[in-house]
C-alpha atoms as a PDB file:
ATOM      1  CA  MET A   1     -30.639  77.745  -9.197  1.00  0.00           C
ATOM      2  CA  THR A   2     -28.539  78.691 -12.458  1.00  0.00           C
ATOM      3  CA  LYS A   3     -30.058  81.444 -14.923  1.00  0.00           C
ATOM      4  CA  TYR A   4     -30.636  78.978 -17.489  1.00  0.00           C
ATOM      5  CA  GLN A   5     -32.444  76.884 -14.916  1.00  0.00           C
ATOM      6  CA  SER A   6     -34.333  79.794 -14.041  1.00  0.00           C
ATOM      7  CA  VAL A   7     -35.201  80.536 -17.869  1.00  0.00           C
ATOM      8  CA  VAL A   8     -36.212  76.860 -18.446  1.00  0.00           C
ATOM      9  CA  ALA A   9     -38.555  76.849 -15.320  1.00  0.00           C
ATOM     10  CA  VAL A  10     -40.175  80.228 -16.343  1.00  0.00           C
ATOM     11  CA  GLU A  11     -40.859  78.552 -19.920  1.00  0.00           C
ATOM     12  CA  ALA A  12     -42.252  75.251 -18.313  1.00  0.00           C
ATOM     13  CA  THR A  13     -44.597  77.564 -16.288  1.00  0.00           C
ATOM     14  CA  VAL A  14     -45.631  79.600 -18.823  1.00  0.00           C
ATOM     15  CA  ALA A  15     -46.608  76.404 -21.289  1.00  0.00           C
ATOM     16  CA  ARG A  16     -48.502  74.764 -18.303  1.00  0.00           C
ATOM     17  CA  ALA A  17     -50.725  77.840 -18.274  1.00  0.00           C
ATOM     18  CA  VAL A  18     -51.010  78.611 -22.059  1.00  0.00           C
ATOM     19  CA  TRP A  19     -51.783  74.970 -22.129  1.00  0.00           C
ATOM     20  CA  ARG A  20     -54.380  75.132 -19.434  1.00  0.00           C
ATOM     21  CA  ASP A  21     -56.342  78.174 -20.998  1.00  0.00           C
ATOM     22  CA  SER A  22     -56.299  76.299 -24.467  1.00  0.00           C
ATOM     23  CA  PHE A  23     -57.654  73.025 -23.040  1.00  0.00           C
ATOM     24  CA  GLY A  24     -60.035  75.183 -21.020  1.00  0.00           C
ATOM     25  CA  ALA A  25     -61.131  76.726 -23.770  1.00  0.00           C
ATOM     26  CA  PHE A  26     -61.702  73.819 -26.039  1.00  0.00           C
ATOM     27  CA  MET A  27     -63.879  71.937 -23.496  1.00  0.00           C
ATOM     28  CA  GLY A  28     -65.980  75.179 -22.603  1.00  0.00           C
ATOM     29  CA  ARG A  29     -66.477  74.747 -26.656  1.00  0.00           C
ATOM     30  CA  VAL A  30     -67.703  71.750 -26.257  1.00  0.00           C
ATOM     31  CA  ALA A  31     -69.148  71.458 -23.088  1.00  0.00           C
ATOM     32  CA  ALA A  32     -72.905  72.311 -24.511  1.00  0.00           C
ATOM     33  CA  CYS A  33     -73.042  69.092 -26.768  1.00  0.00           C
ATOM     34  CA  PHE A  34     -73.069  67.477 -23.560  1.00  0.00           C
ATOM     35  CA  PRO A  35     -76.426  68.018 -20.991  1.00  0.00           C
ATOM     36  CA  ARG A  36     -75.032  65.646 -17.868  1.00  0.00           C
ATOM     37  CA  ARG A  37     -72.132  66.912 -15.938  1.00  0.00           C
ATOM     38  CA  GLU A  38     -70.807  63.501 -15.711  1.00  0.00           C
ATOM     39  CA  SER A  39     -70.634  63.195 -19.224  1.00  0.00           C
ATOM     40  CA  ARG A  40     -68.444  66.602 -19.592  1.00  0.00           C
ATOM     41  CA  GLN A  41     -66.106  65.415 -16.399  1.00  0.00           C
ATOM     42  CA  THR A  42     -65.894  61.914 -18.305  1.00  0.00           C
ATOM     43  CA  LEU A  43     -65.322  63.805 -21.792  1.00  0.00           C
ATOM     44  CA  ARG A  44     -62.492  65.726 -20.139  1.00  0.00           C
ATOM     45  CA  GLU A  45     -60.571  62.975 -18.418  1.00  0.00           C
ATOM     46  CA  THR A  46     -60.456  60.850 -21.526  1.00  0.00           C
ATOM     47  CA  VAL A  47     -59.245  63.667 -24.124  1.00  0.00           C
ATOM     48  CA  GLU A  48     -56.591  64.164 -21.228  1.00  0.00           C
ATOM     49  CA  ALA A  49     -55.721  60.331 -21.340  1.00  0.00           C
ATOM     50  CA  VAL A  50     -55.664  60.219 -25.239  1.00  0.00           C
ATOM     51  CA  LEU A  51     -53.106  63.147 -25.336  1.00  0.00           C
ATOM     52  CA  MET A  52     -51.002  61.061 -22.442  1.00  0.00           C
ATOM     53  CA  GLY A  53     -49.315  59.400 -25.671  1.00  0.00           C
ATOM     54  CA  LEU A  54     -50.249  55.892 -24.401  1.00  0.00           C
ATOM     55  CA  GLN A  55     -48.759  53.237 -26.646  1.00  0.00           C
ATOM     56  CA  ARG A  56     -52.002  51.358 -27.521  1.00  0.00           C
ATOM     57  CA  LEU A  57     -55.165  53.292 -26.817  1.00  0.00           C
ATOM     58  CA  SER A  58     -58.528  51.569 -25.294  1.00  0.00           C
ATOM     59  CA  CYS A  59     -60.939  51.768 -22.669  1.00  0.00           C
ATOM     60  CA  TRP A  60     -58.868  49.740 -20.390  1.00  0.00           C
ATOM     61  CA  THR A  61     -55.600  51.504 -21.014  1.00  0.00           C
ATOM     62  CA  LEU A  62     -57.584  54.805 -21.113  1.00  0.00           C
ATOM     63  CA  ALA A  63     -58.973  54.092 -17.687  1.00  0.00           C
ATOM     64  CA  GLU A  64     -55.749  52.440 -16.170  1.00  0.00           C
ATOM     65  CA  ALA A  65     -54.085  56.063 -17.288  1.00  0.00           C
ATOM     66  CA  LEU A  66     -56.470  57.652 -15.398  1.00  0.00           C
ATOM     67  CA  GLY A  67     -56.469  55.546 -11.978  1.00  0.00           C
ATOM     68  CA  HIS A  68     -60.348  54.053 -12.632  1.00  0.00           C
ATOM     69  CA  CYS A  69     -60.904  50.648 -11.329  1.00  0.00           C
ATOM     70  CA  GLY A  70     -62.191  49.563 -14.574  1.00  0.00           C
ATOM     71  CA  PRO A  71     -63.283  50.594 -18.467  1.00  0.00           C
ATOM     72  CA  HIS A  72     -66.664  50.538 -17.425  1.00  0.00           C
ATOM     73  CA  ARG A  73     -67.188  54.634 -16.806  1.00  0.00           C
ATOM     74  CA  LEU A  74     -65.568  55.187 -20.336  1.00  0.00           C
ATOM     75  CA  GLN A  75     -67.164  52.475 -22.076  1.00  0.00           C
ATOM     76  CA  HIS A  76     -70.510  53.816 -20.768  1.00  0.00           C
ATOM     77  CA  PHE A  77     -69.899  57.311 -21.893  1.00  0.00           C
ATOM     78  CA  LEU A  78     -68.562  56.194 -25.313  1.00  0.00           C
ATOM     79  CA  ALA A  79     -71.470  53.767 -26.247  1.00  0.00           C
ATOM     80  CA  ARG A  80     -74.652  54.721 -23.722  1.00  0.00           C
ATOM     81  CA  ALA A  81     -74.239  58.120 -22.624  1.00  0.00           C
ATOM     82  CA  VAL A  82     -76.610  60.690 -24.433  1.00  0.00           C
ATOM     83  CA  TRP A  83     -74.517  63.484 -26.057  1.00  0.00           C
ATOM     84  CA  ASP A  84     -74.703  65.277 -29.889  1.00  0.00           C
ATOM     85  CA  HIS A  85     -72.371  63.338 -31.919  1.00  0.00           C
ATOM     86  CA  GLY A  86     -72.417  65.420 -34.796  1.00  0.00           C
ATOM     87  CA  THR A  87     -72.375  68.535 -32.928  1.00  0.00           C
ATOM     88  CA  VAL A  88     -68.965  67.531 -31.295  1.00  0.00           C
ATOM     89  CA  ARG A  89     -67.670  67.144 -34.881  1.00  0.00           C
ATOM     90  CA  THR A  90     -68.476  70.345 -35.668  1.00  0.00           C
ATOM     91  CA  CYS A  91     -67.328  72.362 -33.098  1.00  0.00           C
ATOM     92  CA  VAL A  92     -64.071  70.361 -32.753  1.00  0.00           C
ATOM     93  CA  ALA A  93     -63.220  70.688 -37.101  1.00  0.00           C
ATOM     94  CA  SER A  94     -64.321  74.627 -35.912  1.00  0.00           C
ATOM     95  CA  PHE A  95     -61.839  74.674 -33.320  1.00  0.00           C
ATOM     96  CA  ALA A  96     -58.917  73.048 -35.108  1.00  0.00           C
ATOM     97  CA  VAL A  97     -59.325  75.185 -38.172  1.00  0.00           C
ATOM     98  CA  GLY A  98     -59.373  78.253 -36.703  1.00  0.00           C
ATOM     99  CA  HIS A  99     -55.856  77.609 -36.003  1.00  0.00           C
ATOM    100  CA  LEU A 100     -54.744  76.164 -39.066  1.00  0.00           C
ATOM    101  CA  ALA A 101     -56.816  77.979 -41.075  1.00  0.00           C
ATOM    102  CA  ASP A 102     -54.546  78.986 -44.710  1.00  0.00           C
ATOM    103  CA  ALA A 103     -56.017  79.324 -47.585  1.00  0.00           C
ATOM    104  CA  GLN A 104     -53.628  77.503 -49.786  1.00  0.00           C
ATOM    105  CA  ALA A 105     -54.617  74.699 -46.955  1.00  0.00           C
ATOM    106  CA  VAL A 106     -55.065  70.682 -48.199  1.00  0.00           C
ATOM    107  CA  LEU A 107     -58.160  68.709 -47.189  1.00  0.00           C
ATOM    108  CA  VAL A 108     -56.588  65.203 -47.170  1.00  0.00           C
ATOM    109  CA  VAL A 109     -59.224  62.177 -47.614  1.00  0.00           C
ATOM    110  CA  ASP A 110     -57.708  58.651 -46.511  1.00  0.00           C
ATOM    111  CA  GLU A 111     -58.995  55.710 -44.535  1.00  0.00           C
ATOM    112  CA  THR A 112     -57.633  53.592 -42.028  1.00  0.00           C
ATOM    113  CA  GLY A 113     -58.456  49.971 -40.851  1.00  0.00           C
ATOM    114  CA  ASP A 114     -58.534  48.658 -37.016  1.00  0.00           C
ATOM    115  CA  GLU A 115     -57.977  45.322 -36.649  1.00  0.00           C
ATOM    116  CA  LYS A 116     -60.756  42.960 -34.827  1.00  0.00           C
ATOM    117  CA  SER A 117     -60.666  39.500 -33.049  1.00  0.00           C
ATOM    118  CA  ALA A 118     -64.072  39.279 -33.820  1.00  0.00           C
ATOM    119  CA  THR A 119     -67.280  40.791 -36.357  1.00  0.00           C
ATOM    120  CA  ASP A 120     -69.384  41.974 -33.262  1.00  0.00           C
ATOM    121  CA  ALA A 121     -67.772  45.374 -33.369  1.00  0.00           C
ATOM    122  CA  VAL A 122     -69.918  47.529 -35.805  1.00  0.00           C
ATOM    123  CA  GLY A 123     -68.541  47.104 -39.640  1.00  0.00           C
ATOM    124  CA  ALA A 124     -66.045  44.601 -38.724  1.00  0.00           C
ATOM    125  CA  ALA A 125     -65.672  42.289 -41.871  1.00  0.00           C
ATOM    126  CA  ARG A 126     -63.129  40.635 -43.891  1.00  0.00           C
ATOM    127  CA  GLN A 127     -61.442  43.543 -46.200  1.00  0.00           C
ATOM    128  CA  TYR A 128     -58.767  45.529 -47.340  1.00  0.00           C
ATOM    129  CA  SER A 129     -56.769  47.471 -44.997  1.00  0.00           C
ATOM    130  CA  GLY A 130     -53.630  49.188 -45.768  1.00  0.00           C
ATOM    131  CA  ALA A 131     -52.636  49.569 -42.021  1.00  0.00           C
ATOM    132  CA  LEU A 132     -52.563  45.611 -41.874  1.00  0.00           C
ATOM    133  CA  GLY A 133     -50.758  45.298 -45.092  1.00  0.00           C
ATOM    134  CA  GLY A 134     -53.889  43.316 -47.052  1.00  0.00           C
ATOM    135  CA  VAL A 135     -57.333  41.517 -46.604  1.00  0.00           C
ATOM    136  CA  GLY A 136     -58.251  40.731 -42.712  1.00  0.00           C
ATOM    137  CA  LEU A 137     -60.841  40.989 -39.868  1.00  0.00           C
ATOM    138  CA  CYS A 138     -60.853  44.646 -39.669  1.00  0.00           C
ATOM    139  CA  GLN A 139     -63.240  48.287 -39.446  1.00  0.00           C
ATOM    140  CA  VAL A 140     -62.342  50.723 -41.836  1.00  0.00           C
ATOM    141  CA  ALA A 141     -62.985  54.454 -41.440  1.00  0.00           C
ATOM    142  CA  VAL A 142     -62.692  57.051 -43.788  1.00  0.00           C
ATOM    143  CA  HIS A 143     -61.107  60.427 -42.550  1.00  0.00           C
ATOM    144  CA  LEU A 144     -60.587  64.076 -43.790  1.00  0.00           C
ATOM    145  CA  ALA A 145     -57.719  65.912 -42.394  1.00  0.00           C
ATOM    146  CA  TYR A 146     -56.947  69.964 -42.856  1.00  0.00           C
ATOM    147  CA  ALA A 147     -53.492  70.252 -43.289  1.00  0.00           C
ATOM    148  CA  SER A 148     -51.816  73.592 -43.552  1.00  0.00           C
ATOM    149  CA  ALA A 149     -48.189  75.526 -43.077  1.00  0.00           C
ATOM    150  CA  ALA A 150     -49.018  75.851 -39.484  1.00  0.00           C
ATOM    151  CA  GLY A 151     -49.942  72.056 -38.603  1.00  0.00           C
ATOM    152  CA  SER A 152     -52.415  69.274 -39.368  1.00  0.00           C
ATOM    153  CA  ALA A 153     -55.415  67.740 -37.650  1.00  0.00           C
ATOM    154  CA  LEU A 154     -58.391  65.244 -38.472  1.00  0.00           C
ATOM    155  CA  ILE A 155     -61.730  67.281 -38.729  1.00  0.00           C
ATOM    156  CA  ASP A 156     -63.995  64.483 -39.547  1.00  0.00           C
ATOM    157  CA  ARG A 157     -64.631  60.667 -40.078  1.00  0.00           C
ATOM    158  CA  ALA A 158     -67.080  58.025 -41.546  1.00  0.00           C
ATOM    159  CA  LEU A 159     -67.204  54.372 -40.221  1.00  0.00           C
ATOM    160  CA  TYR A 160     -67.473  52.252 -43.539  1.00  0.00           C
ATOM    161  CA  LEU A 161     -70.318  49.527 -43.589  1.00  0.00           C
ATOM    162  CA  THR A 162     -69.539  46.766 -45.902  1.00  0.00           C
ATOM    163  CA  ARG A 163     -72.653  45.924 -48.025  1.00  0.00           C
ATOM    164  CA  ASP A 164     -73.211  42.750 -46.029  1.00  0.00           C
ATOM    165  CA  TRP A 165     -73.304  44.906 -42.795  1.00  0.00           C
ATOM    166  CA  ALA A 166     -75.619  47.370 -43.732  1.00  0.00           C
ATOM    167  CA  PHE A 167     -78.236  45.353 -45.082  1.00  0.00           C
ATOM    168  CA  ASP A 168     -78.011  42.860 -42.208  1.00  0.00           C
ATOM    169  CA  ASP A 169     -81.100  44.197 -39.954  1.00  0.00           C
ATOM    170  CA  GLU A 170     -80.034  41.269 -37.525  1.00  0.00           C
ATOM    171  CA  ARG A 171     -76.429  42.303 -36.800  1.00  0.00           C
ATOM    172  CA  ARG A 172     -77.539  46.204 -37.557  1.00  0.00           C
ATOM    173  CA  GLU A 173     -80.064  45.943 -34.466  1.00  0.00           C
ATOM    174  CA  LEU A 174     -77.648  44.161 -31.785  1.00  0.00           C
ATOM    175  CA  ALA A 175     -74.926  46.919 -32.819  1.00  0.00           C
ATOM    176  CA  GLY A 176     -77.395  49.590 -32.570  1.00  0.00           C
ATOM    177  CA  VAL A 177     -76.755  51.453 -36.149  1.00  0.00           C
ATOM    178  CA  THR A 178     -79.856  53.501 -36.432  1.00  0.00           C
ATOM    179  CA  ASP A 179     -81.767  53.595 -39.534  1.00  0.00           C
ATOM    180  CA  GLU A 180     -80.575  56.782 -40.852  1.00  0.00           C
ATOM    181  CA  VAL A 181     -76.917  54.771 -41.788  1.00  0.00           C
ATOM    182  CA  ALA A 182     -76.811  53.548 -44.895  1.00  0.00           C
ATOM    183  CA  PHE A 183     -74.628  51.535 -46.988  1.00  0.00           C
ATOM    184  CA  ALA A 184     -72.242  54.333 -48.601  1.00  0.00           C
ATOM    185  CA  THR A 185     -68.969  53.665 -50.680  1.00  0.00           C
ATOM    186  CA  LYS A 186     -65.986  55.172 -49.414  1.00  0.00           C
ATOM    187  CA  PRO A 187     -65.612  58.099 -52.449  1.00  0.00           C
ATOM    188  CA  GLN A 188     -69.634  58.837 -51.177  1.00  0.00           C
ATOM    189  CA  GLN A 189     -68.727  59.216 -47.861  1.00  0.00           C
ATOM    190  CA  ALA A 190     -65.530  60.806 -48.618  1.00  0.00           C
ATOM    191  CA  ALA A 191     -67.918  63.569 -50.967  1.00  0.00           C
ATOM    192  CA  VAL A 192     -70.263  64.272 -47.669  1.00  0.00           C
ATOM    193  CA  MET A 193     -67.523  65.209 -45.187  1.00  0.00           C
ATOM    194  CA  LEU A 194     -66.032  67.432 -48.016  1.00  0.00           C
ATOM    195  CA  ALA A 195     -69.519  68.974 -48.246  1.00  0.00           C
ATOM    196  CA  ARG A 196     -69.664  69.647 -44.765  1.00  0.00           C
ATOM    197  CA  ALA A 197     -65.932  71.276 -44.539  1.00  0.00           C
ATOM    198  CA  ARG A 198     -67.530  73.605 -47.404  1.00  0.00           C
ATOM    199  CA  ALA A 199     -70.613  74.086 -46.028  1.00  0.00           C
ATOM    200  CA  GLN A 200     -68.712  75.499 -42.549  1.00  0.00           C
ATOM    201  CA  GLY A 201     -66.591  77.805 -44.519  1.00  0.00           C
ATOM    202  CA  PHE A 202     -63.276  76.346 -44.094  1.00  0.00           C
ATOM    203  CA  PRO A 203     -60.515  77.753 -46.494  1.00  0.00           C
ATOM    204  CA  ALA A 204     -58.469  75.060 -48.779  1.00  0.00           C
ATOM    205  CA  ARG A 205     -57.171  74.963 -52.153  1.00  0.00           C
ATOM    206  CA  TRP A 206     -56.588  71.385 -52.419  1.00  0.00           C
ATOM    207  CA  VAL A 207     -57.839  68.162 -51.813  1.00  0.00           C
ATOM    208  CA  ALA A 208     -55.438  65.003 -52.046  1.00  0.00           C
ATOM    209  CA  ALA A 209     -57.020  61.291 -52.168  1.00  0.00           C
ATOM    210  CA  ASP A 210     -55.398  58.278 -53.401  1.00  0.00           C
ATOM    211  CA  GLU A 211     -57.249  56.562 -56.655  1.00  0.00           C
ATOM    212  CA  VAL A 212     -59.834  54.939 -54.765  1.00  0.00           C
ATOM    213  CA  TYR A 213     -61.327  57.996 -54.376  1.00  0.00           C
ATOM    214  CA  GLY A 214     -60.985  59.220 -57.804  1.00  0.00           C
ATOM    215  CA  SER A 215     -64.341  57.016 -58.917  1.00  0.00           C
ATOM    216  CA  ARG A 216     -67.794  58.122 -60.363  1.00  0.00           C
ATOM    217  CA  ASP A 217     -69.023  58.524 -56.617  1.00  0.00           C
ATOM    218  CA  LEU A 218     -67.541  61.982 -56.522  1.00  0.00           C
ATOM    219  CA  PRO A 219     -69.813  64.828 -58.409  1.00  0.00           C
ATOM    220  CA  PRO A 220     -68.154  66.083 -61.396  1.00  0.00           C
ATOM    221  CA  VAL A 221     -67.367  69.256 -62.628  1.00  0.00           C
ATOM    222  CA  PRO A 222     -69.873  70.991 -65.231  1.00  0.00           C
ATOM    223  CA  ARG A 223     -68.633  71.976 -68.537  1.00  0.00           C
ATOM    224  CA  PRO A 224     -69.023  75.234 -69.812  1.00  0.00           C
ATOM    225  CA  THR A 225     -72.395  74.693 -71.166  1.00  0.00           C
ATOM    226  CA  GLU A 226     -73.961  72.840 -68.386  1.00  0.00           C
ATOM    227  CA  ARG A 227     -75.819  74.341 -65.553  1.00  0.00           C
ATOM    228  CA  PRO A 228     -74.020  75.858 -62.751  1.00  0.00           C
ATOM    229  CA  LEU A 229     -73.906  72.897 -59.580  1.00  0.00           C
ATOM    230  CA  PRO A 230     -76.271  73.442 -56.772  1.00  0.00           C
ATOM    231  CA  GLU A 231     -74.694  74.517 -53.674  1.00  0.00           C
ATOM    232  CA  ARG A 232     -75.569  71.221 -51.798  1.00  0.00           C
ATOM    233  CA  GLU A 233     -72.970  69.806 -54.454  1.00  0.00           C
ATOM    234  CA  LEU A 234     -69.139  69.772 -54.536  1.00  0.00           C
ATOM    235  CA  PRO A 235     -67.369  70.881 -57.928  1.00  0.00           C
ATOM    236  CA  VAL A 236     -63.916  69.244 -57.609  1.00  0.00           C
ATOM    237  CA  ARG A 237     -61.471  68.713 -60.616  1.00  0.00           C
ATOM    238  CA  ARG A 238     -59.579  65.378 -61.207  1.00  0.00           C
ATOM    239  CA  GLN A 239     -55.887  65.267 -62.673  1.00  0.00           C
ATOM    240  CA  PRO A 240     -52.861  63.299 -62.357  1.00  0.00           C
ATOM    241  CA  THR A 241     -50.151  64.042 -60.086  1.00  0.00           C
ATOM    242  CA  ARG A 242     -47.057  64.875 -61.143  1.00  0.00           C
ATOM    243  CA  ALA A 243     -45.410  62.352 -58.895  1.00  0.00           C
ATOM    244  CA  ARG A 244     -47.602  59.357 -60.200  1.00  0.00           C
ATOM    245  CA  SER A 245     -49.358  60.162 -63.004  1.00  0.00           C
ATOM    246  CA  ARG A 246     -51.792  57.075 -62.290  1.00  0.00           C
ATOM    247  CA  PHE A 247     -52.847  58.724 -59.149  1.00  0.00           C
ATOM    248  CA  PRO A 248     -55.659  61.671 -59.573  1.00  0.00           C
ATOM    249  CA  SER A 249     -55.692  64.789 -56.996  1.00  0.00           C
ATOM    250  CA  ILE A 250     -58.594  66.388 -56.635  1.00  0.00           C
ATOM    251  CA  HIS A 251     -58.658  70.385 -57.120  1.00  0.00           C
ATOM    252  CA  TRP A 252     -60.818  72.030 -54.512  1.00  0.00           C
ATOM    253  CA  GLN A 253     -62.550  74.806 -56.664  1.00  0.00           C
ATOM    254  CA  ALA A 254     -64.167  77.873 -54.562  1.00  0.00           C
END
């Protein structure tokens, strides 16, 4: 073995050790959200499979990559296993921002659509999706990402329900949508996620979003003569970007 090969082998060994320790620390951080050992094990396997870089992600492809005989175990984990979704979201966001934190960071709001073949999936409807390049049958979710000089990561998400879906009691019951989930516009969903990020103390200087999120559904900035906004509200400032003046950017005020 040459000196170069020895160095490469050592670096690979160190990288694997760092990855193993980091991954273990992350799993330990969210373990308390999963009361059953089987759920914790399935979570670990699912995350490992997602990180394999598969071309298409589904319970079928993940199960195949993991060597399972079918997708049933992963489907049960995602659809019926009992675990605290909200606490997992909070833990994951805190973990990610802990590695990326920067006072000049940007919180990025955007949405994406996943094409569907039927309306059985929660929220699936004919609606506009930039990912599809127009109107199609899809699910749409609003995402919040944290971006800094150190990197970026998704830290929150909300599935968008159209009005027809949100007020259809029969479909809601069949799909398992709880009564706590009410209709909300995409800007309203974004405002809730931004408020959560602020409540967790994530440092950020700006919020970036396209024109869809520059509506009156976001809380306004108080004028000097108005009372200060209560802590539960999120003060923002809308102003045109230099690149495209018709798209507002939103300034995150401490």
